Amino acid sequence: MRRLILFFSSNAGLGYAPVAPGTFGTLAGLLFFWLLAPLPVWLYSITWFALFVFSCWVSHAAGKIYNVVDDGRIVIDELVGYLVTVAFLPFSWTTALLGFFCFRFFDILKPPPASWCDQRIKNGFGVVLDDVVAGLYAALTLRLLLTYLIPWLEAQL
């Protein structure tokens, strides 16, 4: 069971990257976005919620194994946060990559209440929740970029 917990919490080993494990961990989100984007809203929502619950559990269990609540190798929370960023959008590489950069920006910045969740909730739920909040900021930013900036850039070309 321990090996499975570490496997899932590290997004199949991406969390073991020697530098920027959170960024590498977010890469799993690109595949999941591609797989989940065609789903109807209700099924995407149910799938995301199941992944959220699983992520809270596996993050908490991995934190106990590592003896650190939010060990850097735990990156399944990045996957969940990224999927908030791109939720209900059709898959395209433009959307996937813009979403990736938006999510990483807000996950690193951790504007309130993400920073509050990160600092105050010291369990698997807190590990995942700060990424969900960062994902909400990134989702808003991504939608603004897709609505205003991308069409403007295309018109300039």
N, C-alpha and C. Protein backbone atom coordinates (compact mmCIF):
# COMPACT_ATOMS: atom_id res chain seq x y z
N MET A 1 0.83 -1.19 0.00
CA MET A 1 0.00 0.00 0.00
C MET A 1 0.87 1.26 0.00
N ARG A 2 1.96 1.22 0.75
CA ARG A 2 2.87 2.36 0.83
C ARG A 2 3.37 2.76 -0.56
N ARG A 3 3.75 1.80 -1.38
CA ARG A 3 4.26 2.09 -2.73
C ARG A 3 3.19 2.74 -3.60
N LEU A 4 1.95 2.27 -3.47
CA LEU A 4 0.86 2.86 -4.25
C LEU A 4 0.58 4.30 -3.82
N ILE A 5 0.62 4.54 -2.53
CA ILE A 5 0.41 5.90 -2.01
C ILE A 5 1.47 6.84 -2.57
N LEU A 6 2.72 6.42 -2.53
CA LEU A 6 3.81 7.26 -3.02
C LEU A 6 3.74 7.42 -4.54
N PHE A 7 3.32 6.37 -5.24
CA PHE A 7 3.16 6.44 -6.69
C PHE A 7 2.10 7.48 -7.07
N PHE A 8 0.93 7.37 -6.46
CA PHE A 8 -0.15 8.29 -6.79
C PHE A 8 0.12 9.71 -6.30
N SER A 9 0.65 9.85 -5.10
CA SER A 9 0.90 11.19 -4.56
C SER A 9 1.95 11.94 -5.36
N SER A 10 2.84 11.22 -6.04
CA SER A 10 3.89 11.85 -6.84
C SER A 10 3.50 11.94 -8.32
N ASN A 11 2.25 11.71 -8.64
CA ASN A 11 1.80 11.69 -10.04
C ASN A 11 2.70 10.78 -10.88
N ALA A 12 2.73 9.53 -10.47
CA ALA A 12 3.50 8.49 -11.18
C ALA A 12 4.99 8.81 -11.24
N GLY A 13 5.50 9.44 -10.20
CA GLY A 13 6.93 9.70 -10.09
C GLY A 13 7.36 11.09 -10.51
N LEU A 14 6.47 11.90 -11.09
CA LEU A 14 6.85 13.25 -11.53
C LEU A 14 7.30 14.12 -10.36
N GLY A 15 6.78 13.84 -9.18
CA GLY A 15 7.15 14.62 -8.00
C GLY A 15 8.58 14.38 -7.54
N TYR A 16 9.25 13.39 -8.11
CA TYR A 16 10.63 13.11 -7.75
C TYR A 16 11.62 13.87 -8.64
N ALA A 17 11.14 14.76 -9.48
CA ALA A 17 12.04 15.57 -10.32
C ALA A 17 13.00 16.33 -9.40
N PRO A 18 14.27 16.41 -9.78
CA PRO A 18 15.26 17.05 -8.90
C PRO A 18 15.07 18.56 -8.75
N VAL A 19 14.42 19.19 -9.72
CA VAL A 19 14.12 20.62 -9.63
C VAL A 19 12.65 20.81 -9.98
N ALA A 20 12.03 21.79 -9.37
CA ALA A 20 10.65 22.18 -9.66
C ALA A 20 9.68 21.00 -9.74
N PRO A 21 9.61 20.18 -8.68
CA PRO A 21 8.72 19.02 -8.75
C PRO A 21 7.25 19.40 -8.95
N GLY A 22 6.83 20.55 -8.43
CA GLY A 22 5.45 21.00 -8.63
C GLY A 22 5.15 21.27 -10.09
N THR A 23 6.11 21.85 -10.78
CA THR A 23 5.94 22.12 -12.21
C THR A 23 5.88 20.80 -12.98
N PHE A 24 6.78 19.88 -12.67
CA PHE A 24 6.75 18.57 -13.32
C PHE A 24 5.47 17.83 -12.98
N GLY A 25 5.03 17.93 -11.73
CA GLY A 25 3.79 17.27 -11.32
C GLY A 25 2.58 17.79 -12.06
N THR A 26 2.60 19.06 -12.40
CA THR A 26 1.48 19.66 -13.13
C THR A 26 1.40 19.11 -14.55
N LEU A 27 2.50 18.63 -15.08
CA LEU A 27 2.50 18.06 -16.44
C LEU A 27 1.49 16.93 -16.60
N ALA A 28 1.24 16.19 -15.52
CA ALA A 28 0.23 15.13 -15.58
C ALA A 28 -1.14 15.70 -15.93
N GLY A 29 -1.36 16.95 -15.55
CA GLY A 29 -2.63 17.60 -15.85
C GLY A 29 -2.91 17.72 -17.33
N LEU A 30 -1.87 17.85 -18.16
CA LEU A 30 -2.08 17.96 -19.60
C LEU A 30 -2.76 16.70 -20.14
N LEU A 31 -2.28 15.54 -19.72
CA LEU A 31 -2.89 14.28 -20.15
C LEU A 31 -4.31 14.16 -19.62
N PHE A 32 -4.51 14.49 -18.35
CA PHE A 32 -5.84 14.39 -17.77
C PHE A 32 -6.82 15.37 -18.43
N PHE A 33 -6.35 16.57 -18.75
CA PHE A 33 -7.19 17.54 -19.45
C PHE A 33 -7.63 16.98 -20.80
N TRP A 34 -6.70 16.41 -21.52
CA TRP A 34 -7.00 15.82 -22.82
C TRP A 34 -8.04 14.70 -22.68
N LEU A 35 -7.90 13.88 -21.64
CA LEU A 35 -8.83 12.77 -21.42
C LEU A 35 -10.20 13.23 -20.93
N LEU A 36 -10.24 14.25 -20.07
CA LEU A 36 -11.49 14.66 -19.44
C LEU A 36 -12.26 15.73 -20.21
N ALA A 37 -11.59 16.50 -21.04
CA ALA A 37 -12.25 17.61 -21.75
C ALA A 37 -13.49 17.19 -22.54
N PRO A 38 -13.51 16.03 -23.18
CA PRO A 38 -14.71 15.66 -23.94
C PRO A 38 -15.92 15.27 -23.09
N LEU A 39 -15.71 15.09 -21.79
CA LEU A 39 -16.80 14.64 -20.93
C LEU A 39 -17.85 15.73 -20.75
N PRO A 40 -19.11 15.34 -20.59
CA PRO A 40 -20.12 16.35 -20.24
C PRO A 40 -19.81 16.96 -18.87
N VAL A 41 -20.32 18.15 -18.65
CA VAL A 41 -20.03 18.89 -17.42
C VAL A 41 -20.30 18.05 -16.18
N TRP A 42 -21.41 17.35 -16.13
CA TRP A 42 -21.76 16.58 -14.93
C TRP A 42 -20.75 15.47 -14.67
N LEU A 43 -20.27 14.81 -15.74
CA LEU A 43 -19.32 13.71 -15.55
C LEU A 43 -17.92 14.25 -15.23
N TYR A 44 -17.54 15.35 -15.83
CA TYR A 44 -16.27 16.00 -15.49
C TYR A 44 -16.30 16.36 -14.00
N SER A 45 -17.41 16.95 -13.56
CA SER A 45 -17.53 17.38 -12.16
C SER A 45 -17.43 16.21 -11.19
N ILE A 46 -18.12 15.13 -11.49
CA ILE A 46 -18.07 13.95 -10.62
C ILE A 46 -16.67 13.36 -10.61
N THR A 47 -16.05 13.28 -11.78
CA THR A 47 -14.69 12.73 -11.88
C THR A 47 -13.71 13.60 -11.11
N TRP A 48 -13.83 14.92 -11.28
CA TRP A 48 -12.94 15.84 -10.57
C TRP A 48 -13.13 15.70 -9.06
N PHE A 49 -14.38 15.64 -8.61
CA PHE A 49 -14.63 15.54 -7.17
C PHE A 49 -14.05 14.24 -6.60
N ALA A 50 -14.20 13.14 -7.32
CA ALA A 50 -13.62 11.87 -6.88
C ALA A 50 -12.09 11.99 -6.80
N LEU A 51 -11.50 12.63 -7.78
CA LEU A 51 -10.04 12.83 -7.77
C LEU A 51 -9.64 13.75 -6.61
N PHE A 52 -10.44 14.76 -6.33
CA PHE A 52 -10.18 15.66 -5.20
C PHE A 52 -10.17 14.87 -3.88
N VAL A 53 -11.19 14.07 -3.65
CA VAL A 53 -11.27 13.28 -2.42
C VAL A 53 -10.09 12.31 -2.33
N PHE A 54 -9.81 11.61 -3.43
CA PHE A 54 -8.68 10.68 -3.46
C PHE A 54 -7.37 11.43 -3.19
N SER A 55 -7.20 12.60 -3.78
CA SER A 55 -5.98 13.39 -3.60
C SER A 55 -5.79 13.82 -2.15
N CYS A 56 -6.87 14.23 -1.51
CA CYS A 56 -6.78 14.59 -0.09
C CYS A 56 -6.31 13.41 0.74
N TRP A 57 -6.90 12.25 0.48
CA TRP A 57 -6.52 11.05 1.23
C TRP A 57 -5.07 10.65 0.97
N VAL A 58 -4.69 10.58 -0.31
CA VAL A 58 -3.35 10.10 -0.65
C VAL A 58 -2.29 11.13 -0.23
N SER A 59 -2.61 12.42 -0.28
CA SER A 59 -1.66 13.44 0.18
C SER A 59 -1.44 13.33 1.68
N HIS A 60 -2.52 13.11 2.41
CA HIS A 60 -2.41 12.95 3.86
C HIS A 60 -1.57 11.71 4.20
N ALA A 61 -1.85 10.61 3.53
CA ALA A 61 -1.12 9.36 3.78
C ALA A 61 0.36 9.51 3.42
N ALA A 62 0.66 10.16 2.31
CA ALA A 62 2.05 10.37 1.90
C ALA A 62 2.76 11.29 2.89
N GLY A 63 2.06 12.32 3.36
CA GLY A 63 2.65 13.21 4.35
C GLY A 63 3.07 12.47 5.61
N LYS A 64 2.27 11.48 6.00
CA LYS A 64 2.63 10.66 7.17
C LYS A 64 3.86 9.80 6.87
N ILE A 65 3.94 9.27 5.67
CA ILE A 65 5.10 8.45 5.29
C ILE A 65 6.37 9.30 5.29
N TYR A 66 6.29 10.50 4.72
CA TYR A 66 7.45 11.39 4.64
C TYR A 66 7.72 12.14 5.94
N ASN A 67 6.77 12.12 6.86
CA ASN A 67 6.84 12.91 8.10
C ASN A 67 6.88 14.41 7.83
N VAL A 68 6.31 14.82 6.70
CA VAL A 68 6.18 16.24 6.33
C VAL A 68 4.81 16.37 5.67
N VAL A 69 3.98 17.24 6.20
CA VAL A 69 2.60 17.35 5.72
C VAL A 69 2.54 17.62 4.22
N ASP A 70 3.32 18.58 3.76
CA ASP A 70 3.27 18.97 2.34
C ASP A 70 4.65 18.80 1.72
N ASP A 71 5.14 17.57 1.74
CA ASP A 71 6.45 17.26 1.16
C ASP A 71 6.45 17.62 -0.32
N GLY A 72 7.56 18.09 -0.83
CA GLY A 72 7.68 18.51 -2.22
C GLY A 72 7.40 17.41 -3.23
N ARG A 73 7.56 16.17 -2.82
CA ARG A 73 7.30 15.05 -3.73
C ARG A 73 5.81 14.78 -3.91
N ILE A 74 4.98 15.35 -3.04
CA ILE A 74 3.53 15.20 -3.17
C ILE A 74 3.05 16.24 -4.17
N VAL A 75 2.67 15.78 -5.36
CA VAL A 75 2.27 16.71 -6.42
C VAL A 75 0.91 16.37 -7.04
N ILE A 76 0.20 15.43 -6.46
CA ILE A 76 -1.14 15.13 -6.97
C ILE A 76 -2.06 16.34 -6.80
N ASP A 77 -1.75 17.19 -5.83
CA ASP A 77 -2.54 18.41 -5.63
C ASP A 77 -2.41 19.36 -6.81
N GLU A 78 -1.25 19.37 -7.48
CA GLU A 78 -1.08 20.18 -8.68
C GLU A 78 -2.00 19.70 -9.79
N LEU A 79 -2.16 18.41 -9.90
CA LEU A 79 -3.07 17.85 -10.91
C LEU A 79 -4.50 18.33 -10.66
N VAL A 80 -4.95 18.26 -9.44
CA VAL A 80 -6.31 18.67 -9.09
C VAL A 80 -6.50 20.17 -9.34
N GLY A 81 -5.53 20.98 -8.95
CA GLY A 81 -5.62 22.42 -9.17
C GLY A 81 -5.62 22.78 -10.64
N TYR A 82 -4.79 22.11 -11.41
CA TYR A 82 -4.75 22.38 -12.85
C TYR A 82 -6.09 22.03 -13.50
N LEU A 83 -6.70 20.94 -13.07
CA LEU A 83 -7.99 20.55 -13.64
C LEU A 83 -9.10 21.54 -13.29
N VAL A 84 -8.94 22.28 -12.20
CA VAL A 84 -9.86 23.38 -11.90
C VAL A 84 -9.64 24.49 -12.93
N THR A 85 -8.39 24.77 -13.23
CA THR A 85 -8.04 25.84 -14.18
C THR A 85 -8.69 25.62 -15.54
N VAL A 86 -8.66 24.40 -16.03
CA VAL A 86 -9.12 24.11 -17.40
C VAL A 86 -10.53 23.50 -17.43
N ALA A 87 -11.18 23.45 -16.29
CA ALA A 87 -12.49 22.79 -16.20
C ALA A 87 -13.47 23.35 -17.23
N PHE A 88 -14.14 22.43 -17.91
CA PHE A 88 -15.25 22.71 -18.83
C PHE A 88 -14.82 23.42 -20.11
N LEU A 89 -13.53 23.49 -20.37
CA LEU A 89 -13.04 24.08 -21.61
C LEU A 89 -12.71 22.97 -22.60
N PRO A 90 -12.88 23.21 -23.89
CA PRO A 90 -12.48 22.20 -24.86
C PRO A 90 -10.95 22.13 -24.92
N PHE A 91 -10.45 20.94 -25.17
CA PHE A 91 -9.00 20.78 -25.23
C PHE A 91 -8.44 21.43 -26.49
N SER A 92 -7.41 22.20 -26.30
CA SER A 92 -6.54 22.68 -27.38
C SER A 92 -5.18 22.89 -26.74
N TRP A 93 -4.15 22.85 -27.55
CA TRP A 93 -2.82 23.06 -26.98
C TRP A 93 -2.66 24.47 -26.44
N THR A 94 -3.31 25.44 -27.07
CA THR A 94 -3.27 26.82 -26.58
C THR A 94 -3.86 26.89 -25.18
N THR A 95 -5.04 26.31 -25.02
CA THR A 95 -5.70 26.31 -23.72
C THR A 95 -4.88 25.54 -22.69
N ALA A 96 -4.39 24.36 -23.08
CA ALA A 96 -3.63 23.52 -22.15
C ALA A 96 -2.38 24.23 -21.64
N LEU A 97 -1.64 24.85 -22.55
CA LEU A 97 -0.39 25.49 -22.16
C LEU A 97 -0.61 26.81 -21.43
N LEU A 98 -1.56 27.62 -21.90
CA LEU A 98 -1.89 28.84 -21.16
C LEU A 98 -2.38 28.50 -19.76
N GLY A 99 -3.22 27.48 -19.66
CA GLY A 99 -3.71 27.03 -18.36
C GLY A 99 -2.57 26.57 -17.47
N PHE A 100 -1.61 25.85 -18.05
CA PHE A 100 -0.45 25.37 -17.31
C PHE A 100 0.31 26.55 -16.69
N PHE A 101 0.61 27.56 -17.52
CA PHE A 101 1.38 28.70 -17.02
C PHE A 101 0.57 29.55 -16.03
N CYS A 102 -0.71 29.72 -16.29
CA CYS A 102 -1.55 30.46 -15.34
C CYS A 102 -1.59 29.74 -14.00
N PHE A 103 -1.79 28.42 -14.04
CA PHE A 103 -1.86 27.67 -12.79
C PHE A 103 -0.54 27.73 -12.03
N ARG A 104 0.57 27.52 -12.72
CA ARG A 104 1.86 27.54 -12.04
C ARG A 104 2.11 28.91 -11.41
N PHE A 105 1.73 29.99 -12.12
CA PHE A 105 1.90 31.34 -11.58
C PHE A 105 1.16 31.49 -10.26
N PHE A 106 -0.12 31.13 -10.25
CA PHE A 106 -0.91 31.33 -9.03
C PHE A 106 -0.58 30.31 -7.95
N ASP A 107 -0.13 29.13 -8.34
CA ASP A 107 0.27 28.14 -7.34
C ASP A 107 1.54 28.59 -6.62
N ILE A 108 2.45 29.20 -7.35
CA ILE A 108 3.68 29.70 -6.74
C ILE A 108 3.39 30.97 -5.94
N LEU A 109 2.60 31.88 -6.49
CA LEU A 109 2.27 33.15 -5.83
C LEU A 109 1.43 32.93 -4.57
N LYS A 110 0.51 32.01 -4.62
CA LYS A 110 -0.41 31.69 -3.52
C LYS A 110 -1.10 32.94 -2.93
N PRO A 111 -1.89 33.64 -3.75
CA PRO A 111 -2.62 34.78 -3.20
C PRO A 111 -3.69 34.29 -2.21
N PRO A 112 -4.05 35.12 -1.23
CA PRO A 112 -5.09 34.71 -0.28
C PRO A 112 -6.39 34.38 -1.02
N PRO A 113 -7.11 33.41 -0.58
CA PRO A 113 -6.94 32.58 0.61
C PRO A 113 -6.07 31.34 0.40
N ALA A 114 -5.43 31.20 -0.77
CA ALA A 114 -4.56 30.02 -0.99
C ALA A 114 -3.45 29.97 0.05
N SER A 115 -2.83 31.11 0.32
CA SER A 115 -1.74 31.15 1.31
C SER A 115 -2.25 30.77 2.70
N TRP A 116 -3.47 31.20 3.03
CA TRP A 116 -4.06 30.85 4.33
C TRP A 116 -4.24 29.34 4.43
N CYS A 117 -4.78 28.73 3.38
CA CYS A 117 -4.98 27.27 3.36
C CYS A 117 -3.64 26.56 3.51
N ASP A 118 -2.64 27.04 2.78
CA ASP A 118 -1.32 26.43 2.80
C ASP A 118 -0.68 26.50 4.19
N GLN A 119 -0.87 27.62 4.88
CA GLN A 119 -0.22 27.83 6.17
C GLN A 119 -1.00 27.28 7.35
N ARG A 120 -2.32 27.20 7.23
CA ARG A 120 -3.14 26.87 8.40
C ARG A 120 -3.73 25.48 8.43
N ILE A 121 -3.98 24.89 7.27
CA ILE A 121 -4.63 23.57 7.25
C ILE A 121 -3.56 22.53 6.99
N LYS A 122 -3.10 21.91 8.04
CA LYS A 122 -1.95 21.01 7.97
C LYS A 122 -2.38 19.54 7.91
N ASN A 123 -3.00 19.20 6.79
CA ASN A 123 -3.37 17.81 6.52
C ASN A 123 -3.55 17.68 5.01
N GLY A 124 -3.97 16.52 4.55
CA GLY A 124 -4.14 16.30 3.12
C GLY A 124 -5.13 17.24 2.47
N PHE A 125 -6.18 17.58 3.20
CA PHE A 125 -7.18 18.53 2.68
C PHE A 125 -6.53 19.88 2.41
N GLY A 126 -5.72 20.36 3.33
CA GLY A 126 -5.04 21.64 3.16
C GLY A 126 -4.03 21.61 2.03
N VAL A 127 -3.34 20.48 1.88
CA VAL A 127 -2.37 20.32 0.79
C VAL A 127 -3.05 20.53 -0.56
N VAL A 128 -4.24 19.97 -0.70
CA VAL A 128 -4.96 20.05 -1.98
C VAL A 128 -5.72 21.36 -2.10
N LEU A 129 -6.29 21.85 -1.02
CA LEU A 129 -7.16 23.02 -1.09
C LEU A 129 -6.44 24.27 -1.59
N ASP A 130 -5.19 24.49 -1.18
CA ASP A 130 -4.50 25.70 -1.66
C ASP A 130 -4.31 25.65 -3.18
N ASP A 131 -4.17 24.45 -3.75
CA ASP A 131 -4.05 24.32 -5.20
C ASP A 131 -5.40 24.52 -5.89
N VAL A 132 -6.47 24.13 -5.25
CA VAL A 132 -7.80 24.38 -5.80
C VAL A 132 -8.05 25.89 -5.87
N VAL A 133 -7.67 26.61 -4.81
CA VAL A 133 -7.85 28.06 -4.81
C VAL A 133 -6.97 28.69 -5.89
N ALA A 134 -5.72 28.25 -6.00
CA ALA A 134 -4.85 28.76 -7.07
C ALA A 134 -5.45 28.44 -8.43
N GLY A 135 -6.06 27.27 -8.55
CA GLY A 135 -6.73 26.88 -9.80
C GLY A 135 -7.90 27.78 -10.14
N LEU A 136 -8.62 28.26 -9.13
CA LEU A 136 -9.73 29.19 -9.38
C LEU A 136 -9.22 30.53 -9.91
N TYR A 137 -8.15 31.05 -9.31
CA TYR A 137 -7.53 32.28 -9.82
C TYR A 137 -7.06 32.07 -11.26
N ALA A 138 -6.41 30.94 -11.49
CA ALA A 138 -5.88 30.64 -12.82
C ALA A 138 -7.01 30.45 -13.84
N ALA A 139 -8.12 29.86 -13.40
CA ALA A 139 -9.26 29.64 -14.30
C ALA A 139 -9.83 30.98 -14.77
N LEU A 140 -9.97 31.91 -13.87
CA LEU A 140 -10.47 33.24 -14.24
C LEU A 140 -9.51 33.92 -15.21
N THR A 141 -8.23 33.87 -14.88
CA THR A 141 -7.22 34.49 -15.74
C THR A 141 -7.19 33.83 -17.12
N LEU A 142 -7.25 32.52 -17.16
CA LEU A 142 -7.24 31.79 -18.43
C LEU A 142 -8.43 32.18 -19.29
N ARG A 143 -9.58 32.27 -18.69
CA ARG A 143 -10.78 32.62 -19.46
C ARG A 143 -10.71 34.05 -19.99
N LEU A 144 -10.13 34.95 -19.21
CA LEU A 144 -9.93 36.32 -19.69
C LEU A 144 -8.95 36.35 -20.87
N LEU A 145 -7.88 35.60 -20.75
CA LEU A 145 -6.91 35.52 -21.84
C LEU A 145 -7.54 34.94 -23.10
N LEU A 146 -8.29 33.86 -22.94
CA LEU A 146 -8.91 33.21 -24.10
C LEU A 146 -9.99 34.08 -24.73
N THR A 147 -10.66 34.89 -23.92
CA THR A 147 -11.75 35.73 -24.42
C THR A 147 -11.24 37.02 -25.07
N TYR A 148 -10.21 37.62 -24.48
CA TYR A 148 -9.78 38.94 -24.94
C TYR A 148 -8.41 38.96 -25.62
N LEU A 149 -7.42 38.36 -24.99
CA LEU A 149 -6.06 38.48 -25.51
C LEU A 149 -5.84 37.66 -26.78
N ILE A 150 -6.23 36.41 -26.76
CA ILE A 150 -5.99 35.54 -27.92
C ILE A 150 -6.70 36.06 -29.18
N PRO A 151 -7.99 36.43 -29.11
CA PRO A 151 -8.62 36.99 -30.32
C PRO A 151 -7.95 38.29 -30.79
N TRP A 152 -7.52 39.12 -29.84
CA TRP A 152 -6.83 40.35 -30.21
C TRP A 152 -5.53 40.04 -30.94
N LEU A 153 -4.75 39.09 -30.40
CA LEU A 153 -3.49 38.71 -31.03
C LEU A 153 -3.73 38.14 -32.43
N GLU A 154 -4.76 37.31 -32.56
CA GLU A 154 -5.07 36.73 -33.87
C GLU A 154 -5.46 37.82 -34.87
N ALA A 155 -6.17 38.84 -34.39
CA ALA A 155 -6.57 39.94 -35.28
C ALA A 155 -5.38 40.78 -35.73
N GLN A 156 -4.33 40.79 -34.92
CA GLN A 156 -3.14 41.57 -35.26
C GLN A 156 -2.30 40.87 -36.33
N LEU A 157 -2.47 39.59 -36.48
CA LEU A 157 -1.65 38.83 -37.44
C LEU A 157 -2.20 38.87 -38.81
